[in-house]
Amino acid sequence: GGSGLGDDEPSVDVMADDVAELLDAEGVERAVVGGQSMGGYVTMAFCRRYPDRVQAVVLADTKAAPDSVEAAANRELAAQRVLDGGDLTDTVPNLVGATTLARRPMVVGRVRGLVKSAPPGAVAWALRAMAGRPDSFDTLRGLKVPALVLVGEEDELTSVADAEAMAEAAPDVQLEILPNSGHLSAIETPVAFNKAVAAFLAKL
């Protein structure tokens, strides 16, 4: 949420285009592209829009299925709530796993701080972009590069079953289930997360 919002309608495609512009600015033609949660949705959009620029894919605590009607409606309610001056800190327990809630108060505090500090306009825009994202299973089936799918064992937002479905769709994939971790596995168990990513990159 640190960047200023433009006039674009909310869409993960817009975020994927921003990633392409960033790569252009850095002089990078092809890259390993990855993201966690919403970042995974953006990664799959990038794979659809810029397949020739992807060297490999990392998808962490995300899913290929679109929002259900109910889930999209709940995102819109959350967007309205934050625009009306409310905050979404009550969602923090859903963002981390049971182990983190019980044993990692510093992590819980950090996540709470990130949620509170996010600009309301950016939060609403992102929620609406996620609600409108398409099904990405065909994108995964069409991947021509290696993929790593990571998921926290305790993730209740994008479950192990969601990760397994993604792994079944992609032709060249490695699935890693991270113990004692929830939806924000990169923050909750960074050592295990980084080890899995580094091992994947070493094989490329």
C-alpha atoms as a PDB file:
ATOM      1  CA  GLY A   1       0.000   0.000   0.000  1.00  0.00           C
ATOM      2  CA  GLY A   2       2.993   2.347  -0.126  1.00  0.00           C
ATOM      3  CA  SER A   3       2.494   3.291  -3.771  1.00  0.00           C
ATOM      4  CA  GLY A   4      -0.087   5.829  -4.839  1.00  0.00           C
ATOM      5  CA  LEU A   5      -3.240   4.463  -6.432  1.00  0.00           C
ATOM      6  CA  GLY A   6      -3.874   5.281 -10.061  1.00  0.00           C
ATOM      7  CA  ASP A   7      -7.223   5.560 -11.796  1.00  0.00           C
ATOM      8  CA  ASP A   8      -7.369   1.935 -12.922  1.00  0.00           C
ATOM      9  CA  GLU A   9     -10.318  -0.225 -11.979  1.00  0.00           C
ATOM     10  CA  PRO A  10      -9.379  -2.876  -9.409  1.00  0.00           C
ATOM     11  CA  SER A  11      -7.834  -5.881 -11.141  1.00  0.00           C
ATOM     12  CA  VAL A  12      -5.039  -8.363 -10.573  1.00  0.00           C
ATOM     13  CA  ASP A  13      -4.160  -7.760 -14.242  1.00  0.00           C
ATOM     14  CA  VAL A  14      -3.290  -4.141 -13.420  1.00  0.00           C
ATOM     15  CA  MET A  15      -0.970  -5.365 -10.660  1.00  0.00           C
ATOM     16  CA  ALA A  16       0.622  -7.860 -13.062  1.00  0.00           C
ATOM     17  CA  ASP A  17       1.250  -5.028 -15.521  1.00  0.00           C
ATOM     18  CA  ASP A  18       2.925  -3.086 -12.703  1.00  0.00           C
ATOM     19  CA  VAL A  19       5.250  -6.042 -12.129  1.00  0.00           C
ATOM     20  CA  ALA A  20       6.143  -6.030 -15.836  1.00  0.00           C
ATOM     21  CA  GLU A  21       6.867  -2.295 -15.689  1.00  0.00           C
ATOM     22  CA  LEU A  22       9.100  -2.842 -12.647  1.00  0.00           C
ATOM     23  CA  LEU A  23      11.038  -5.546 -14.486  1.00  0.00           C
ATOM     24  CA  ASP A  24      11.402  -3.190 -17.456  1.00  0.00           C
ATOM     25  CA  ALA A  25      12.717  -0.449 -15.180  1.00  0.00           C
ATOM     26  CA  GLU A  26      15.273  -2.861 -13.745  1.00  0.00           C
ATOM     27  CA  GLY A  27      16.287  -4.189 -17.154  1.00  0.00           C
ATOM     28  CA  VAL A  28      15.109  -7.722 -16.349  1.00  0.00           C
ATOM     29  CA  GLU A  29      13.735  -9.679 -19.312  1.00  0.00           C
ATOM     30  CA  ARG A  30      12.876 -12.969 -17.564  1.00  0.00           C
ATOM     31  CA  ALA A  31      12.531 -13.740 -13.868  1.00  0.00           C
ATOM     32  CA  VAL A  32      11.363 -16.197 -11.289  1.00  0.00           C
ATOM     33  CA  VAL A  33       8.042 -14.630 -10.344  1.00  0.00           C
ATOM     34  CA  GLY A  34       6.248 -15.456  -7.136  1.00  0.00           C
ATOM     35  CA  GLY A  35       3.910 -14.203  -4.488  1.00  0.00           C
ATOM     36  CA  GLN A  36       2.060 -15.069  -1.335  1.00  0.00           C
ATOM     37  CA  SER A  37      -1.709 -14.878  -0.919  1.00  0.00           C
ATOM     38  CA  MET A  38      -2.811 -11.952  -3.137  1.00  0.00           C
ATOM     39  CA  GLY A  39       0.696 -11.999  -4.600  1.00  0.00           C
ATOM     40  CA  GLY A  40      -0.068 -15.485  -5.878  1.00  0.00           C
ATOM     41  CA  TYR A  41      -3.113 -14.173  -7.730  1.00  0.00           C
ATOM     42  CA  VAL A  42      -0.930 -11.472  -9.263  1.00  0.00           C
ATOM     43  CA  THR A  43       1.687 -14.072 -10.201  1.00  0.00           C
ATOM     44  CA  MET A  44      -0.889 -16.172 -12.036  1.00  0.00           C
ATOM     45  CA  ALA A  45      -2.147 -13.060 -13.829  1.00  0.00           C
ATOM     46  CA  PHE A  46       1.462 -12.294 -14.819  1.00  0.00           C
ATOM     47  CA  CYS A  47       1.819 -15.827 -16.198  1.00  0.00           C
ATOM     48  CA  ARG A  48      -1.278 -15.276 -18.336  1.00  0.00           C
ATOM     49  CA  ARG A  49      -0.203 -11.881 -19.639  1.00  0.00           C
ATOM     50  CA  TYR A  50       3.578 -12.308 -19.921  1.00  0.00           C
ATOM     51  CA  PRO A  51       4.314 -16.044 -20.247  1.00  0.00           C
ATOM     52  CA  ASP A  52       7.591 -15.459 -22.101  1.00  0.00           C
ATOM     53  CA  ARG A  53       8.967 -13.422 -19.203  1.00  0.00           C
ATOM     54  CA  VAL A  54       8.556 -16.169 -16.600  1.00  0.00           C
ATOM     55  CA  GLN A  55      11.533 -18.373 -15.783  1.00  0.00           C
ATOM     56  CA  ALA A  56       9.829 -20.210 -12.905  1.00  0.00           C
ATOM     57  CA  VAL A  57       6.904 -19.652 -10.541  1.00  0.00           C
ATOM     58  CA  VAL A  58       6.524 -19.607  -6.752  1.00  0.00           C
ATOM     59  CA  LEU A  59       2.957 -19.681  -5.407  1.00  0.00           C
ATOM     60  CA  ALA A  60       2.609 -19.481  -1.633  1.00  0.00           C
ATOM     61  CA  ASP A  61      -0.607 -19.742   0.391  1.00  0.00           C
ATOM     62  CA  THR A  62      -2.818 -18.905  -2.556  1.00  0.00           C
ATOM     63  CA  LYS A  63      -5.317 -20.704  -4.769  1.00  0.00           C
ATOM     64  CA  ALA A  64      -6.295 -20.984  -8.413  1.00  0.00           C
ATOM     65  CA  ALA A  65     -10.058 -21.018  -7.890  1.00  0.00           C
ATOM     66  CA  PRO A  66     -11.957 -17.712  -8.125  1.00  0.00           C
ATOM     67  CA  ASP A  67     -13.979 -16.290  -5.253  1.00  0.00           C
ATOM     68  CA  SER A  68     -17.377 -17.775  -4.621  1.00  0.00           C
ATOM     69  CA  VAL A  69     -20.306 -15.356  -4.758  1.00  0.00           C
ATOM     70  CA  GLU A  70     -20.316 -15.317  -0.953  1.00  0.00           C
ATOM     71  CA  ALA A  71     -16.578 -14.700  -0.676  1.00  0.00           C
ATOM     72  CA  ALA A  72     -16.729 -11.847  -3.196  1.00  0.00           C
ATOM     73  CA  ALA A  73     -19.633 -10.296  -1.283  1.00  0.00           C
ATOM     74  CA  ASN A  74     -17.670 -10.534   1.967  1.00  0.00           C
ATOM     75  CA  ARG A  75     -14.718  -8.771   0.345  1.00  0.00           C
ATOM     76  CA  GLU A  76     -17.016  -5.950  -0.754  1.00  0.00           C
ATOM     77  CA  LEU A  77     -18.376  -5.628   2.781  1.00  0.00           C
ATOM     78  CA  ALA A  78     -14.805  -5.434   4.084  1.00  0.00           C
ATOM     79  CA  ALA A  79     -13.934  -2.805   1.455  1.00  0.00           C
ATOM     80  CA  GLN A  80     -16.898  -0.667   2.482  1.00  0.00           C
ATOM     81  CA  ARG A  81     -16.041  -1.107   6.131  1.00  0.00           C
ATOM     82  CA  VAL A  82     -12.469   0.091   5.757  1.00  0.00           C
ATOM     83  CA  LEU A  83     -13.524   3.017   3.552  1.00  0.00           C
ATOM     84  CA  ASP A  84     -16.039   4.008   6.239  1.00  0.00           C
ATOM     85  CA  GLY A  85     -13.240   4.295   8.788  1.00  0.00           C
ATOM     86  CA  GLY A  86     -13.307   0.815  10.267  1.00  0.00           C
ATOM     87  CA  ASP A  87     -10.309  -1.458  10.508  1.00  0.00           C
ATOM     88  CA  LEU A  88      -9.766  -5.093   9.707  1.00  0.00           C
ATOM     89  CA  THR A  89      -7.589  -6.082  12.664  1.00  0.00           C
ATOM     90  CA  ASP A  90     -10.204  -8.624  13.693  1.00  0.00           C
ATOM     91  CA  THR A  91      -9.096 -10.629  10.628  1.00  0.00           C
ATOM     92  CA  VAL A  92      -5.581 -11.133  12.018  1.00  0.00           C
ATOM     93  CA  PRO A  93      -6.364 -14.474  13.749  1.00  0.00           C
ATOM     94  CA  ASN A  94      -7.432 -15.850  10.346  1.00  0.00           C
ATOM     95  CA  LEU A  95      -4.201 -14.719   8.692  1.00  0.00           C
ATOM     96  CA  VAL A  96      -1.874 -16.743  10.908  1.00  0.00           C
ATOM     97  CA  GLY A  97      -1.874 -20.320  12.119  1.00  0.00           C
ATOM     98  CA  ALA A  98      -2.806 -21.705  15.501  1.00  0.00           C
ATOM     99  CA  THR A  99       0.869 -22.213  16.411  1.00  0.00           C
ATOM    100  CA  THR A 100       1.665 -18.568  15.680  1.00  0.00           C
ATOM    101  CA  LEU A 101      -1.337 -17.379  17.704  1.00  0.00           C
ATOM    102  CA  ALA A 102      -0.221 -19.490  20.647  1.00  0.00           C
ATOM    103  CA  ARG A 103       3.562 -19.096  20.515  1.00  0.00           C
ATOM    104  CA  ARG A 104       4.606 -16.124  18.372  1.00  0.00           C
ATOM    105  CA  PRO A 105       3.163 -12.924  19.844  1.00  0.00           C
ATOM    106  CA  MET A 106       5.758 -10.779  18.047  1.00  0.00           C
ATOM    107  CA  VAL A 107       4.598 -12.122  14.684  1.00  0.00           C
ATOM    108  CA  VAL A 108       0.949 -11.541  15.582  1.00  0.00           C
ATOM    109  CA  GLY A 109       1.808  -7.984  16.606  1.00  0.00           C
ATOM    110  CA  ARG A 110       3.699  -7.380  13.374  1.00  0.00           C
ATOM    111  CA  VAL A 111       0.783  -8.624  11.258  1.00  0.00           C
ATOM    112  CA  ARG A 112      -1.657  -6.516  13.273  1.00  0.00           C
ATOM    113  CA  GLY A 113       0.549  -3.470  12.660  1.00  0.00           C
ATOM    114  CA  LEU A 114       0.669  -4.155   8.911  1.00  0.00           C
ATOM    115  CA  VAL A 115      -3.118  -4.460   8.754  1.00  0.00           C
ATOM    116  CA  LYS A 116      -3.636  -1.248  10.724  1.00  0.00           C
ATOM    117  CA  SER A 117      -1.138   0.770   8.697  1.00  0.00           C
ATOM    118  CA  ALA A 118      -2.456  -0.155   5.244  1.00  0.00           C
ATOM    119  CA  PRO A 119      -4.129   2.828   3.507  1.00  0.00           C
ATOM    120  CA  PRO A 120      -7.932   2.314   3.352  1.00  0.00           C
ATOM    121  CA  GLY A 121      -8.143   3.137  -0.344  1.00  0.00           C
ATOM    122  CA  ALA A 122      -5.461   0.609  -1.206  1.00  0.00           C
ATOM    123  CA  VAL A 123      -7.090  -2.056   0.967  1.00  0.00           C
ATOM    124  CA  ALA A 124     -10.476  -1.569  -0.690  1.00  0.00           C
ATOM    125  CA  TRP A 125      -8.910  -1.576  -4.166  1.00  0.00           C
ATOM    126  CA  ALA A 126      -7.032  -4.814  -3.436  1.00  0.00           C
ATOM    127  CA  LEU A 127     -10.108  -6.515  -1.970  1.00  0.00           C
ATOM    128  CA  ARG A 128     -12.128  -5.662  -5.073  1.00  0.00           C
ATOM    129  CA  ALA A 129      -9.310  -6.817  -7.357  1.00  0.00           C
ATOM    130  CA  MET A 130      -9.188 -10.178  -5.595  1.00  0.00           C
ATOM    131  CA  ALA A 131     -12.978 -10.539  -5.712  1.00  0.00           C
ATOM    132  CA  GLY A 132     -12.944 -10.080  -9.486  1.00  0.00           C
ATOM    133  CA  ARG A 133     -10.070 -12.400 -10.330  1.00  0.00           C
ATOM    134  CA  PRO A 134     -10.704 -15.257 -12.796  1.00  0.00           C
ATOM    135  CA  ASP A 135     -10.215 -18.994 -12.456  1.00  0.00           C
ATOM    136  CA  SER A 136      -6.510 -19.734 -12.934  1.00  0.00           C
ATOM    137  CA  PHE A 137      -6.451 -23.507 -13.302  1.00  0.00           C
ATOM    138  CA  ASP A 138      -6.022 -23.251 -17.090  1.00  0.00           C
ATOM    139  CA  THR A 139      -3.108 -20.881 -16.464  1.00  0.00           C
ATOM    140  CA  LEU A 140      -1.440 -23.496 -14.289  1.00  0.00           C
ATOM    141  CA  ARG A 141      -2.094 -26.276 -16.796  1.00  0.00           C
ATOM    142  CA  GLY A 142      -0.450 -24.167 -19.475  1.00  0.00           C
ATOM    143  CA  LEU A 143       2.738 -23.418 -17.536  1.00  0.00           C
ATOM    144  CA  LYS A 144       5.872 -24.310 -19.442  1.00  0.00           C
ATOM    145  CA  VAL A 145       8.228 -23.585 -16.533  1.00  0.00           C
ATOM    146  CA  PRO A 146       8.836 -25.197 -13.133  1.00  0.00           C
ATOM    147  CA  ALA A 147       6.566 -24.200 -10.260  1.00  0.00           C
ATOM    148  CA  LEU A 148       6.865 -24.349  -6.493  1.00  0.00           C
ATOM    149  CA  VAL A 149       3.642 -24.425  -4.480  1.00  0.00           C
ATOM    150  CA  LEU A 150       4.040 -23.647  -0.781  1.00  0.00           C
ATOM    151  CA  VAL A 151       1.351 -23.771   1.890  1.00  0.00           C
ATOM    152  CA  GLY A 152       1.246 -23.516   5.652  1.00  0.00           C
ATOM    153  CA  GLU A 153      -0.076 -26.685   7.220  1.00  0.00           C
ATOM    154  CA  GLU A 154      -2.408 -24.579   9.386  1.00  0.00           C
ATOM    155  CA  ASP A 155      -3.566 -22.251   6.594  1.00  0.00           C
ATOM    156  CA  GLU A 156      -7.358 -21.962   6.813  1.00  0.00           C
ATOM    157  CA  LEU A 157      -7.785 -19.293   4.107  1.00  0.00           C
ATOM    158  CA  THR A 158      -6.048 -21.101   1.258  1.00  0.00           C
ATOM    159  CA  SER A 159      -5.862 -24.650   2.505  1.00  0.00           C
ATOM    160  CA  VAL A 160      -3.562 -27.580   1.883  1.00  0.00           C
ATOM    161  CA  ALA A 161      -6.334 -28.960  -0.341  1.00  0.00           C
ATOM    162  CA  ASP A 162      -6.213 -25.760  -2.418  1.00  0.00           C
ATOM    163  CA  ALA A 163      -2.445 -26.142  -2.761  1.00  0.00           C
ATOM    164  CA  GLU A 164      -2.771 -29.801  -3.740  1.00  0.00           C
ATOM    165  CA  ALA A 165      -5.307 -28.871  -6.439  1.00  0.00           C
ATOM    166  CA  MET A 166      -2.858 -26.331  -7.853  1.00  0.00           C
ATOM    167  CA  ALA A 167      -0.039 -28.871  -7.774  1.00  0.00           C
ATOM    168  CA  GLU A 168      -2.188 -31.380  -9.646  1.00  0.00           C
ATOM    169  CA  ALA A 169      -2.874 -28.824 -12.378  1.00  0.00           C
ATOM    170  CA  ALA A 170       0.690 -27.645 -13.074  1.00  0.00           C
ATOM    171  CA  PRO A 171       2.795 -29.989 -15.246  1.00  0.00           C
ATOM    172  CA  ASP A 172       6.191 -29.448 -13.551  1.00  0.00           C
ATOM    173  CA  VAL A 173       5.576 -28.726  -9.891  1.00  0.00           C
ATOM    174  CA  GLN A 174       6.946 -29.225  -6.419  1.00  0.00           C
ATOM    175  CA  LEU A 175       4.604 -29.014  -3.412  1.00  0.00           C
ATOM    176  CA  GLU A 176       5.911 -28.077   0.038  1.00  0.00           C
ATOM    177  CA  ILE A 177       3.703 -28.108   3.139  1.00  0.00           C
ATOM    178  CA  LEU A 178       5.220 -26.010   5.923  1.00  0.00           C
ATOM    179  CA  PRO A 179       4.517 -27.256   9.474  1.00  0.00           C
ATOM    180  CA  ASN A 180       3.412 -24.941  12.294  1.00  0.00           C
ATOM    181  CA  SER A 181       2.463 -22.210   9.846  1.00  0.00           C
ATOM    182  CA  GLY A 182      -0.732 -20.555   8.659  1.00  0.00           C
ATOM    183  CA  HIS A 183      -1.630 -18.257   5.771  1.00  0.00           C
ATOM    184  CA  LEU A 184       1.393 -15.966   6.161  1.00  0.00           C
ATOM    185  CA  SER A 185       4.019 -18.689   6.092  1.00  0.00           C
ATOM    186  CA  ALA A 186       6.812 -16.385   4.887  1.00  0.00           C
ATOM    187  CA  ILE A 187       6.358 -14.301   8.039  1.00  0.00           C
ATOM    188  CA  GLU A 188       5.426 -17.094  10.443  1.00  0.00           C
ATOM    189  CA  THR A 189       8.134 -19.619   9.550  1.00  0.00           C
ATOM    190  CA  PRO A 190      10.639 -17.663   7.431  1.00  0.00           C
ATOM    191  CA  VAL A 191      13.514 -20.091   7.852  1.00  0.00           C
ATOM    192  CA  ALA A 192      11.531 -23.055   6.499  1.00  0.00           C
ATOM    193  CA  PHE A 193       9.953 -20.885   3.803  1.00  0.00           C
ATOM    194  CA  ASN A 194      13.298 -19.511   2.597  1.00  0.00           C
ATOM    195  CA  LYS A 195      14.908 -22.948   2.698  1.00  0.00           C
ATOM    196  CA  ALA A 196      12.177 -24.354   0.423  1.00  0.00           C
ATOM    197  CA  VAL A 197      12.466 -21.450  -2.023  1.00  0.00           C
ATOM    198  CA  ALA A 198      16.280 -21.586  -2.067  1.00  0.00           C
ATOM    199  CA  ALA A 199      16.245 -25.338  -2.739  1.00  0.00           C
ATOM    200  CA  PHE A 200      13.794 -24.819  -5.601  1.00  0.00           C
ATOM    201  CA  LEU A 201      15.896 -22.039  -7.127  1.00  0.00           C
ATOM    202  CA  ALA A 202      19.058 -24.124  -6.835  1.00  0.00           C
ATOM    203  CA  LYS A 203      17.535 -26.725  -9.162  1.00  0.00           C
ATOM    204  CA  LEU A 204      16.709 -24.274 -11.945  1.00  0.00           C
END
